[in-house]
Amino acid sequence: MSLVSEKFPDNFILGTSTSAFQIEGAGETEWKGFIGTDGTLLDLAIDHYSRYEE
């Protein structure tokens, strides 16, 4: 397997983000009303809050 190393330009900025709904799968959000409209229940996502030590 060949690994290729690339150098980003000096002005390259990398950003990331998460949301409570993605990580915890909990809490009321503005999007909850649009998800699960087929009657299915929404459940925990990856449950980071309870599993972070794993």
N, C-alpha and C. Protein backbone atom coordinates (compact mmCIF):
# COMPACT_ATOMS: atom_id res chain seq x y z
N MET A 1 0.85 -1.16 0.00
CA MET A 1 0.00 0.00 0.00
C MET A 1 0.90 1.23 0.00
N SER A 2 0.56 2.17 -0.83
CA SER A 2 1.33 3.40 -0.94
C SER A 2 0.61 4.54 -0.21
N LEU A 3 1.35 5.24 0.62
CA LEU A 3 0.79 6.40 1.30
C LEU A 3 1.33 7.66 0.63
N VAL A 4 0.45 8.56 0.34
CA VAL A 4 0.83 9.80 -0.33
C VAL A 4 0.71 10.94 0.66
N SER A 5 1.74 11.74 0.73
CA SER A 5 1.72 12.89 1.62
C SER A 5 1.50 14.15 0.79
N GLU A 6 0.56 14.94 1.19
CA GLU A 6 0.26 16.20 0.50
C GLU A 6 0.45 17.34 1.47
N LYS A 7 0.95 18.44 0.96
CA LYS A 7 1.11 19.64 1.78
C LYS A 7 0.03 20.63 1.39
N PHE A 8 -0.70 21.10 2.38
CA PHE A 8 -1.72 22.11 2.13
C PHE A 8 -1.05 23.47 2.00
N PRO A 9 -1.68 24.37 1.26
CA PRO A 9 -1.14 25.73 1.16
C PRO A 9 -1.09 26.38 2.54
N ASP A 10 -0.16 27.32 2.74
CA ASP A 10 -0.01 27.99 4.03
C ASP A 10 -1.28 28.68 4.49
N ASN A 11 -2.11 29.12 3.57
CA ASN A 11 -3.34 29.84 3.95
C ASN A 11 -4.55 28.91 4.05
N PHE A 12 -4.33 27.60 4.01
CA PHE A 12 -5.42 26.63 4.11
C PHE A 12 -5.93 26.58 5.55
N ILE A 13 -7.24 26.68 5.73
CA ILE A 13 -7.85 26.61 7.06
C ILE A 13 -8.82 25.44 7.08
N LEU A 14 -8.66 24.58 8.05
CA LEU A 14 -9.53 23.42 8.22
C LEU A 14 -10.42 23.65 9.43
N GLY A 15 -11.70 23.40 9.28
CA GLY A 15 -12.61 23.56 10.39
C GLY A 15 -13.53 22.36 10.52
N THR A 16 -13.97 22.09 11.71
CA THR A 16 -14.92 21.00 11.96
C THR A 16 -15.99 21.49 12.92
N SER A 17 -17.07 20.77 12.98
CA SER A 17 -18.12 21.11 13.94
C SER A 17 -18.97 19.88 14.22
N THR A 18 -19.72 19.94 15.27
CA THR A 18 -20.66 18.88 15.62
C THR A 18 -21.91 19.55 16.19
N SER A 19 -22.90 18.76 16.44
CA SER A 19 -24.10 19.27 17.10
C SER A 19 -24.55 18.25 18.14
N ALA A 20 -25.29 18.70 19.12
CA ALA A 20 -25.78 17.79 20.15
C ALA A 20 -26.63 16.69 19.54
N PHE A 21 -27.41 17.01 18.53
CA PHE A 21 -28.26 16.00 17.91
C PHE A 21 -27.43 14.91 17.23
N GLN A 22 -26.30 15.29 16.58
CA GLN A 22 -25.44 14.30 15.93
C GLN A 22 -24.71 13.44 16.95
N ILE A 23 -24.15 14.07 17.96
CA ILE A 23 -23.30 13.36 18.91
C ILE A 23 -24.10 12.64 19.98
N GLU A 24 -25.04 13.31 20.59
CA GLU A 24 -25.80 12.73 21.69
C GLU A 24 -27.10 12.11 21.22
N GLY A 25 -27.65 12.64 20.15
CA GLY A 25 -28.94 12.15 19.68
C GLY A 25 -30.06 12.52 20.63
N ALA A 26 -29.85 13.56 21.38
CA ALA A 26 -30.83 13.91 22.41
C ALA A 26 -31.15 15.39 22.36
N GLY A 27 -32.13 15.76 23.11
CA GLY A 27 -32.49 17.16 23.22
C GLY A 27 -33.39 17.62 22.08
N GLU A 28 -34.20 18.58 22.39
CA GLU A 28 -35.08 19.15 21.38
C GLU A 28 -34.28 20.07 20.46
N THR A 29 -34.52 19.97 19.19
CA THR A 29 -33.88 20.83 18.21
C THR A 29 -34.93 21.32 17.24
N GLU A 30 -34.57 22.30 16.47
CA GLU A 30 -35.49 22.80 15.45
C GLU A 30 -35.75 21.75 14.38
N TRP A 31 -34.82 20.82 14.19
CA TRP A 31 -34.95 19.81 13.14
C TRP A 31 -35.76 18.60 13.57
N LYS A 32 -35.99 18.42 14.84
CA LYS A 32 -36.70 17.22 15.30
C LYS A 32 -38.09 17.09 14.68
N GLY A 33 -38.74 18.21 14.41
CA GLY A 33 -40.05 18.17 13.80
C GLY A 33 -40.04 17.69 12.36
N PHE A 34 -38.87 17.74 11.72
CA PHE A 34 -38.76 17.33 10.33
C PHE A 34 -38.22 15.91 10.18
N ILE A 35 -37.76 15.33 11.25
CA ILE A 35 -37.16 14.00 11.20
C ILE A 35 -38.11 13.01 11.85
N GLY A 36 -38.21 11.83 11.30
CA GLY A 36 -39.08 10.80 11.85
C GLY A 36 -40.54 11.06 11.54
N THR A 37 -40.81 11.73 10.45
CA THR A 37 -42.19 12.05 10.10
C THR A 37 -42.99 10.82 9.69
N ASP A 38 -42.30 9.69 9.51
CA ASP A 38 -43.01 8.45 9.16
C ASP A 38 -43.52 7.72 10.40
N GLY A 39 -43.36 8.34 11.57
CA GLY A 39 -43.83 7.73 12.80
C GLY A 39 -42.77 7.00 13.59
N THR A 40 -41.57 6.85 13.02
CA THR A 40 -40.51 6.17 13.76
C THR A 40 -40.00 7.08 14.87
N LEU A 41 -39.57 6.46 15.95
CA LEU A 41 -39.04 7.21 17.08
C LEU A 41 -37.57 7.52 16.85
N LEU A 42 -37.18 8.70 17.24
CA LEU A 42 -35.77 9.07 17.17
C LEU A 42 -35.10 8.54 18.42
N ASP A 43 -33.87 8.07 18.27
CA ASP A 43 -33.16 7.47 19.38
C ASP A 43 -31.79 8.10 19.51
N LEU A 44 -31.01 7.62 20.45
CA LEU A 44 -29.67 8.14 20.63
C LEU A 44 -28.82 7.90 19.39
N ALA A 45 -27.96 8.84 19.11
CA ALA A 45 -27.03 8.69 17.99
C ALA A 45 -25.85 7.87 18.52
N ILE A 46 -24.68 8.45 18.64
CA ILE A 46 -23.54 7.70 19.17
C ILE A 46 -23.44 7.78 20.69
N ASP A 47 -24.28 8.58 21.32
CA ASP A 47 -24.35 8.68 22.78
C ASP A 47 -22.99 9.01 23.39
N HIS A 48 -22.32 10.01 22.86
CA HIS A 48 -21.00 10.41 23.32
C HIS A 48 -20.99 10.71 24.82
N TYR A 49 -22.03 11.33 25.32
CA TYR A 49 -22.08 11.72 26.74
C TYR A 49 -21.87 10.51 27.65
N SER A 50 -22.47 9.38 27.32
CA SER A 50 -22.36 8.19 28.16
C SER A 50 -21.18 7.31 27.82
N ARG A 51 -20.63 7.45 26.60
CA ARG A 51 -19.63 6.50 26.13
C ARG A 51 -18.26 7.10 25.86
N TYR A 52 -18.01 8.35 26.25
CA TYR A 52 -16.77 9.01 25.86
C TYR A 52 -15.52 8.29 26.34
N GLU A 53 -15.59 7.57 27.46
CA GLU A 53 -14.40 6.88 27.96
C GLU A 53 -14.05 5.64 27.14
N GLU A 54 -15.00 5.10 26.39
CA GLU A 54 -14.73 3.93 25.56
C GLU A 54 -13.77 4.31 24.46
